[in-house]
Amino acid sequence: MPALGADPGLQPMNATERITIEPGKRGGKPCIRGLRITVDDVLSYLASGMTEAEILADFPDLEHDDFLAVYGLSSSEICRAFRYSQGCM
């Protein structure tokens, strides 16, 4: 499974070991460890007010380190988008 690469300097944990992309799975969206749970799913649950503990209870295949990978990837993507908007890549 190819892993999604992010900015290594911005990853508090190695997201590339936890976040994967498979063209035939969930439309090629970044997923957690090859599961059918996308990064966007996790972020949407958090944005709706669910806690990490509630999400873990609903999706027992997830682990705390999966959340750290989602946070690291999200942070990296936000920083990358900011740098792009400022004209400095």
C-alpha atoms as a PDB file:
ATOM      1  CA  MET A   1       0.000   0.000   0.000  1.00  0.00           C
ATOM      2  CA  PRO A   2       1.493   3.363  -0.902  1.00  0.00           C
ATOM      3  CA  ALA A   3       1.480   5.797   1.988  1.00  0.00           C
ATOM      4  CA  LEU A   4       0.648   9.467   1.780  1.00  0.00           C
ATOM      5  CA  GLY A   5       3.741  11.567   2.271  1.00  0.00           C
ATOM      6  CA  ALA A   6       3.538  14.770   4.240  1.00  0.00           C
ATOM      7  CA  ASP A   7       6.062  17.381   5.286  1.00  0.00           C
ATOM      8  CA  PRO A   8       8.499  15.380   7.483  1.00  0.00           C
ATOM      9  CA  GLY A   9       9.393  18.438   9.529  1.00  0.00           C
ATOM     10  CA  LEU A  10       5.791  18.927  10.593  1.00  0.00           C
ATOM     11  CA  GLN A  11       4.885  15.405  11.646  1.00  0.00           C
ATOM     12  CA  PRO A  12       4.795  14.776  15.388  1.00  0.00           C
ATOM     13  CA  MET A  13       4.555  11.085  14.514  1.00  0.00           C
ATOM     14  CA  ASN A  14       5.151   9.222  11.297  1.00  0.00           C
ATOM     15  CA  ALA A  15       1.834   9.673   9.498  1.00  0.00           C
ATOM     16  CA  THR A  16       3.147   7.813   6.455  1.00  0.00           C
ATOM     17  CA  GLU A  17       2.987   4.566   8.441  1.00  0.00           C
ATOM     18  CA  ARG A  18      -0.660   5.113   9.346  1.00  0.00           C
ATOM     19  CA  ILE A  19      -2.208   7.057   6.458  1.00  0.00           C
ATOM     20  CA  THR A  20      -2.549   5.131   3.200  1.00  0.00           C
ATOM     21  CA  ILE A  21      -4.028   5.716  -0.230  1.00  0.00           C
ATOM     22  CA  GLU A  22      -5.404   2.903  -2.335  1.00  0.00           C
ATOM     23  CA  PRO A  23      -7.008   3.887  -5.651  1.00  0.00           C
ATOM     24  CA  GLY A  24      -9.871   1.390  -5.308  1.00  0.00           C
ATOM     25  CA  LYS A  25     -10.690   2.151  -1.677  1.00  0.00           C
ATOM     26  CA  ARG A  26     -12.952   5.045  -0.664  1.00  0.00           C
ATOM     27  CA  GLY A  27     -12.318   6.790  -3.981  1.00  0.00           C
ATOM     28  CA  GLY A  28      -8.587   7.029  -3.373  1.00  0.00           C
ATOM     29  CA  LYS A  29      -9.008   9.237  -0.313  1.00  0.00           C
ATOM     30  CA  PRO A  30      -6.393   9.002   2.464  1.00  0.00           C
ATOM     31  CA  CYS A  31      -7.432   6.191   4.833  1.00  0.00           C
ATOM     32  CA  ILE A  32      -6.287   5.037   8.238  1.00  0.00           C
ATOM     33  CA  ARG A  33      -3.984   1.972   8.012  1.00  0.00           C
ATOM     34  CA  GLY A  34      -5.782   0.569   4.976  1.00  0.00           C
ATOM     35  CA  LEU A  35      -9.125   0.537   6.793  1.00  0.00           C
ATOM     36  CA  ARG A  36     -12.201   1.979   5.124  1.00  0.00           C
ATOM     37  CA  ILE A  37     -12.070   4.947   7.521  1.00  0.00           C
ATOM     38  CA  THR A  38     -10.782   8.112   5.873  1.00  0.00           C
ATOM     39  CA  VAL A  39      -8.862  10.983   7.392  1.00  0.00           C
ATOM     40  CA  ASP A  40     -11.831  13.155   6.421  1.00  0.00           C
ATOM     41  CA  ASP A  41     -14.201  10.834   8.335  1.00  0.00           C
ATOM     42  CA  VAL A  42     -12.159  11.248  11.509  1.00  0.00           C
ATOM     43  CA  LEU A  43     -11.879  15.022  11.100  1.00  0.00           C
ATOM     44  CA  SER A  44     -15.620  15.282  10.408  1.00  0.00           C
ATOM     45  CA  TYR A  45     -16.458  13.312  13.560  1.00  0.00           C
ATOM     46  CA  LEU A  46     -14.177  15.551  15.609  1.00  0.00           C
ATOM     47  CA  ALA A  47     -15.627  18.701  14.016  1.00  0.00           C
ATOM     48  CA  SER A  48     -19.144  17.508  14.866  1.00  0.00           C
ATOM     49  CA  GLY A  49     -18.187  17.460  18.536  1.00  0.00           C
ATOM     50  CA  MET A  50     -17.366  13.791  19.065  1.00  0.00           C
ATOM     51  CA  THR A  51     -14.441  13.133  21.363  1.00  0.00           C
ATOM     52  CA  GLU A  52     -11.570  10.842  20.491  1.00  0.00           C
ATOM     53  CA  ALA A  53     -12.881   8.383  23.092  1.00  0.00           C
ATOM     54  CA  GLU A  54     -16.336   8.341  21.486  1.00  0.00           C
ATOM     55  CA  ILE A  55     -14.863   7.733  18.042  1.00  0.00           C
ATOM     56  CA  LEU A  56     -12.655   4.942  19.400  1.00  0.00           C
ATOM     57  CA  ALA A  57     -15.724   3.335  20.996  1.00  0.00           C
ATOM     58  CA  ASP A  58     -17.612   3.489  17.679  1.00  0.00           C
ATOM     59  CA  PHE A  59     -14.627   2.304  15.613  1.00  0.00           C
ATOM     60  CA  PRO A  60     -12.643  -0.195  17.714  1.00  0.00           C
ATOM     61  CA  ASP A  61     -10.149  -0.794  14.870  1.00  0.00           C
ATOM     62  CA  LEU A  62      -8.834   2.741  15.358  1.00  0.00           C
ATOM     63  CA  GLU A  63      -6.016   3.465  17.797  1.00  0.00           C
ATOM     64  CA  HIS A  64      -4.889   6.609  19.587  1.00  0.00           C
ATOM     65  CA  ASP A  65      -1.821   6.807  17.312  1.00  0.00           C
ATOM     66  CA  ASP A  66      -4.156   6.983  14.299  1.00  0.00           C
ATOM     67  CA  PHE A  67      -5.470  10.274  15.668  1.00  0.00           C
ATOM     68  CA  LEU A  68      -1.920  11.571  16.083  1.00  0.00           C
ATOM     69  CA  ALA A  69      -1.263  10.728  12.432  1.00  0.00           C
ATOM     70  CA  VAL A  70      -4.471  12.529  11.373  1.00  0.00           C
ATOM     71  CA  TYR A  71      -3.482  15.594  13.413  1.00  0.00           C
ATOM     72  CA  GLY A  72       0.037  15.561  11.970  1.00  0.00           C
ATOM     73  CA  LEU A  73      -1.179  15.220   8.402  1.00  0.00           C
ATOM     74  CA  SER A  74      -3.801  17.934   8.890  1.00  0.00           C
ATOM     75  CA  SER A  75      -1.240  20.295  10.362  1.00  0.00           C
ATOM     76  CA  SER A  76       1.138  19.615   7.498  1.00  0.00           C
ATOM     77  CA  GLU A  77      -1.555  20.215   4.874  1.00  0.00           C
ATOM     78  CA  ILE A  78      -2.686  23.448   6.528  1.00  0.00           C
ATOM     79  CA  CYS A  79       0.899  24.730   6.624  1.00  0.00           C
ATOM     80  CA  ARG A  80       1.448  23.697   3.015  1.00  0.00           C
ATOM     81  CA  ALA A  81      -1.744  25.517   1.930  1.00  0.00           C
ATOM     82  CA  PHE A  82      -0.676  28.624   3.851  1.00  0.00           C
ATOM     83  CA  ARG A  83       2.781  28.630   2.261  1.00  0.00           C
ATOM     84  CA  TYR A  84       1.197  28.187  -1.185  1.00  0.00           C
ATOM     85  CA  SER A  85      -1.221  31.075  -0.566  1.00  0.00           C
ATOM     86  CA  GLN A  86       1.744  33.252   0.408  1.00  0.00           C
ATOM     87  CA  GLY A  87       3.566  32.396  -2.824  1.00  0.00           C
ATOM     88  CA  CYS A  88       6.399  30.517  -1.118  1.00  0.00           C
ATOM     89  CA  MET A  89       6.443  26.789  -1.606  1.00  0.00           C
END
